[in-house]
Amino acid sequence: WQAALGRPQTGSVVMGDVVYEPGAVRIADHSTAAGGGGGGGGLKVTGTARVVSVSLAAKYQTLVKTGQTVSVELPDGSRTPGTITSVGTVATVAQQGQDPTVAVVVTLTDQHAGAGLDQAPVTVHITTSEAKGVLAVPVGALLALAEGGYAVEKVTNLGTTSLVGVQAGTFADGWVQVTGAVNEGDKVVTAQ
């Protein structure tokens, strides 16, 4: 190695000749110019896993947890799964007047996804609730009742309508999960 660097071939390693890390690392930044003198702080290293750093509004911190699966949308529009590997506990404010955020780290499941990207803008999609095999109606069909609760206007076989009470569940993409006096195949009136 000394010959490759044009140094005298002494066979000795002196302090500053070699940087040793206990595992694989990635050089994220270097502040020393080629041929410059050593002396602490020359390299900034990170782990080799592809991760996404998220500044999450602190008010949403309770909606995420370590181990939770998320979907990461890459700059080309493709999506790849990831797992939340850490959720910060201390909120910070980047600039005065901005809302506080906590740091969330997502590790990409497919470490080849996003190859060649470094500090690229991505979107992290976090599912906070999920309902499968449920009855859902368009949100526009949901009516808030003066006495509290919700109803939908159900169309009868005769073409008339009647209000029937329902309990609202999960909301997503313009739909709402309902339980109550409606069944699969029933027609409901929706707002235009």
Protein backbone atom coordinates (compact mmCIF):
# COMPACT_ATOMS: atom_id res chain seq x y z
CA TRP A 1 0.00 0.00 0.00
CA GLN A 2 2.87 2.37 0.66
CA ALA A 3 4.26 1.90 -2.88
CA ALA A 4 0.80 2.58 -4.34
CA LEU A 5 0.75 5.89 -2.47
CA GLY A 6 4.32 6.79 -3.47
CA ARG A 7 5.59 6.56 0.10
CA PRO A 8 8.75 4.94 1.43
CA GLN A 9 8.11 1.22 1.87
CA THR A 10 8.84 0.90 5.58
CA GLY A 11 6.22 -1.71 6.41
CA SER A 12 5.17 0.45 9.34
CA VAL A 13 1.75 1.92 9.88
CA VAL A 14 1.76 5.18 11.79
CA MET A 15 -1.10 7.06 13.41
CA GLY A 16 -3.22 8.70 10.71
CA ASP A 17 -2.18 6.37 7.86
CA VAL A 18 -5.22 4.11 8.20
CA VAL A 19 -8.79 4.66 9.29
CA TYR A 20 -10.41 1.54 10.71
CA GLU A 21 -14.14 0.95 11.16
CA PRO A 22 -15.56 -2.21 12.72
CA GLY A 23 -17.93 -2.79 9.79
CA ALA A 24 -18.81 -1.59 6.31
CA VAL A 25 -19.39 2.15 6.01
CA ARG A 26 -20.19 4.63 3.27
CA ILE A 27 -18.25 7.88 2.96
CA ALA A 28 -20.96 10.52 2.96
CA ASP A 29 -18.69 13.55 2.91
CA HIS A 30 -15.04 14.50 3.18
CA SER A 31 -13.64 17.84 4.24
CA THR A 32 -9.98 17.20 3.46
CA ALA A 33 -8.61 17.95 0.00
CA ALA A 34 -6.67 15.26 -1.83
CA GLY A 35 -3.09 15.31 -0.58
CA GLY A 36 -4.07 17.46 2.39
CA GLY A 37 -2.92 16.77 5.90
CA GLY A 38 -4.79 14.49 8.22
CA GLY A 39 -6.13 15.50 11.54
CA GLY A 40 -9.58 14.57 12.70
CA GLY A 41 -12.87 15.27 11.04
CA GLY A 42 -11.74 14.51 7.51
CA LEU A 43 -14.50 12.01 6.77
CA LYS A 44 -18.18 11.76 7.56
CA VAL A 45 -19.37 8.16 7.32
CA THR A 46 -22.80 6.55 7.40
CA GLY A 47 -24.05 2.99 7.37
CA THR A 48 -24.41 1.16 4.08
CA ALA A 49 -28.16 0.49 4.34
CA ARG A 50 -30.36 2.63 2.08
CA VAL A 51 -32.52 4.73 4.37
CA VAL A 52 -34.94 7.61 4.11
CA SER A 53 -34.85 10.38 6.70
CA VAL A 54 -38.23 11.95 7.41
CA SER A 55 -38.98 15.15 9.33
CA LEU A 56 -42.45 14.19 10.57
CA ALA A 57 -44.73 16.80 12.11
CA ALA A 58 -44.54 16.13 15.86
CA LYS A 59 -48.36 16.03 16.09
CA TYR A 60 -48.26 12.79 14.04
CA GLN A 61 -45.59 11.04 16.13
CA THR A 62 -48.17 8.81 17.86
CA LEU A 63 -49.29 7.45 14.47
CA VAL A 64 -45.94 5.78 13.72
CA LYS A 65 -43.87 3.15 15.49
CA THR A 66 -40.63 1.27 15.00
CA GLY A 67 -41.22 -1.85 12.87
CA GLN A 68 -44.18 -0.35 10.99
CA THR A 69 -44.26 -1.01 7.23
CA VAL A 70 -44.51 2.01 4.91
CA SER A 71 -44.41 2.65 1.17
CA VAL A 72 -41.70 4.92 -0.26
CA GLU A 73 -42.42 6.69 -3.54
CA LEU A 74 -39.18 7.29 -5.43
CA PRO A 75 -38.55 10.29 -7.74
CA ASP A 76 -39.49 8.21 -10.82
CA GLY A 77 -42.94 7.50 -9.32
CA SER A 78 -42.26 3.86 -8.49
CA ARG A 79 -42.97 2.60 -4.98
CA THR A 80 -40.92 0.33 -2.77
CA PRO A 81 -41.65 -0.97 0.73
CA GLY A 82 -39.73 0.12 3.77
CA THR A 83 -39.75 -0.31 7.54
CA ILE A 84 -39.60 2.40 10.17
CA THR A 85 -36.38 1.70 12.07
CA SER A 86 -36.43 4.65 14.46
CA VAL A 87 -38.79 7.36 15.66
CA GLY A 88 -37.32 10.40 17.37
CA THR A 89 -38.54 11.43 20.79
CA VAL A 90 -37.33 15.04 20.79
CA ALA A 91 -39.13 17.56 18.60
CA THR A 92 -37.09 20.24 16.86
CA VAL A 93 -37.98 23.39 14.95
CA ALA A 94 -35.94 24.03 11.78
CA GLN A 95 -36.89 27.70 11.51
CA GLN A 96 -38.84 30.05 13.72
CA GLY A 97 -42.55 29.92 12.95
CA GLN A 98 -42.46 26.36 11.61
CA ASP A 99 -44.16 23.43 13.29
CA PRO A 100 -41.96 21.12 15.37
CA THR A 101 -40.88 17.84 13.78
CA VAL A 102 -39.43 14.53 14.94
CA ALA A 103 -36.86 12.51 13.02
CA VAL A 104 -38.11 9.22 11.57
CA VAL A 105 -35.79 6.80 9.75
CA VAL A 106 -37.13 4.31 7.20
CA THR A 107 -34.94 1.47 5.91
CA LEU A 108 -35.79 0.29 2.39
CA THR A 109 -36.74 -3.39 2.25
CA ASP A 110 -35.20 -3.75 -1.21
CA GLN A 111 -31.72 -2.33 -0.80
CA HIS A 112 -31.38 -2.11 -4.61
CA ALA A 113 -34.38 0.23 -4.87
CA GLY A 114 -33.27 3.77 -5.42
CA ALA A 115 -29.77 2.70 -6.46
CA GLY A 116 -27.76 5.73 -7.45
CA LEU A 117 -29.91 8.15 -5.45
CA ASP A 118 -28.35 10.28 -2.73
CA GLN A 119 -30.41 12.83 -0.81
CA ALA A 120 -33.16 12.59 -3.43
CA PRO A 121 -36.67 13.82 -2.58
CA VAL A 122 -39.07 10.95 -1.92
CA THR A 123 -42.57 10.65 -0.49
CA VAL A 124 -43.24 8.27 2.39
CA HIS A 125 -46.80 6.89 2.52
CA ILE A 126 -47.82 5.81 6.02
CA THR A 127 -50.95 3.74 6.57
CA THR A 128 -52.40 4.56 9.98
CA SER A 129 -55.43 2.28 9.84
CA GLU A 130 -56.64 -0.44 7.54
CA ALA A 131 -59.96 -2.20 7.09
CA LYS A 132 -60.41 -5.25 4.86
CA GLY A 133 -63.59 -7.02 3.82
CA VAL A 134 -65.83 -4.21 5.05
CA LEU A 135 -68.91 -2.46 3.72
CA ALA A 136 -68.07 1.03 2.45
CA VAL A 137 -70.06 3.88 0.92
CA PRO A 138 -68.92 7.10 -0.74
CA VAL A 139 -68.17 9.78 1.88
CA GLY A 140 -70.76 11.98 0.14
CA ALA A 141 -73.47 9.52 1.22
CA LEU A 142 -72.74 10.03 4.92
CA LEU A 143 -75.12 12.41 6.69
CA ALA A 144 -74.39 13.91 10.13
CA LEU A 145 -77.48 13.75 12.33
CA ALA A 146 -78.54 16.70 14.55
CA GLU A 147 -78.86 14.34 17.52
CA GLY A 148 -75.38 12.96 16.88
CA GLY A 149 -74.14 10.04 14.85
CA TYR A 150 -74.51 9.35 11.16
CA ALA A 151 -77.02 8.03 8.65
CA VAL A 152 -77.22 7.24 4.97
CA GLU A 153 -80.21 7.70 2.70
CA LYS A 154 -81.01 4.19 1.50
CA VAL A 155 -82.99 3.61 -1.71
CA THR A 156 -85.77 1.02 -1.28
CA ASN A 157 -87.02 -1.48 -3.87
CA LEU A 158 -89.94 0.89 -4.57
CA GLY A 159 -87.56 3.75 -5.41
CA THR A 160 -88.29 5.70 -2.25
CA THR A 161 -85.64 6.59 0.29
CA SER A 162 -85.30 6.35 4.04
CA LEU A 163 -82.65 7.43 6.51
CA VAL A 164 -80.91 4.56 8.28
CA GLY A 165 -78.42 4.96 11.10
CA VAL A 166 -74.84 3.82 10.54
CA GLN A 167 -71.58 3.88 12.44
CA ALA A 168 -68.64 5.34 10.52
CA GLY A 169 -65.32 3.52 10.57
CA THR A 170 -62.15 4.05 8.54
CA PHE A 171 -62.05 6.80 5.89
CA ALA A 172 -59.88 6.43 2.75
CA ASP A 173 -59.84 7.72 -0.82
CA GLY A 174 -63.35 9.19 -0.70
CA TRP A 175 -64.92 6.12 0.93
CA VAL A 176 -66.00 5.39 4.50
CA GLN A 177 -66.50 2.06 6.23
CA VAL A 178 -70.04 1.73 7.66
CA THR A 179 -71.90 -0.70 9.86
CA GLY A 180 -75.60 -0.57 10.59
CA ALA A 181 -78.84 -1.04 8.68
CA VAL A 182 -77.24 -1.29 5.23
CA ASN A 183 -76.16 -4.38 3.36
CA GLU A 184 -73.95 -5.19 0.41
CA GLY A 185 -75.81 -4.29 -2.79
CA ASP A 186 -78.02 -1.63 -1.17
CA LYS A 187 -78.16 1.66 -3.06
CA VAL A 188 -77.54 4.90 -1.19
CA VAL A 189 -77.97 8.52 -2.21
CA THR A 190 -74.77 10.55 -2.51
CA ALA A 191 -74.26 14.30 -2.65
CA GLN A 192 -73.46 15.71 -6.09
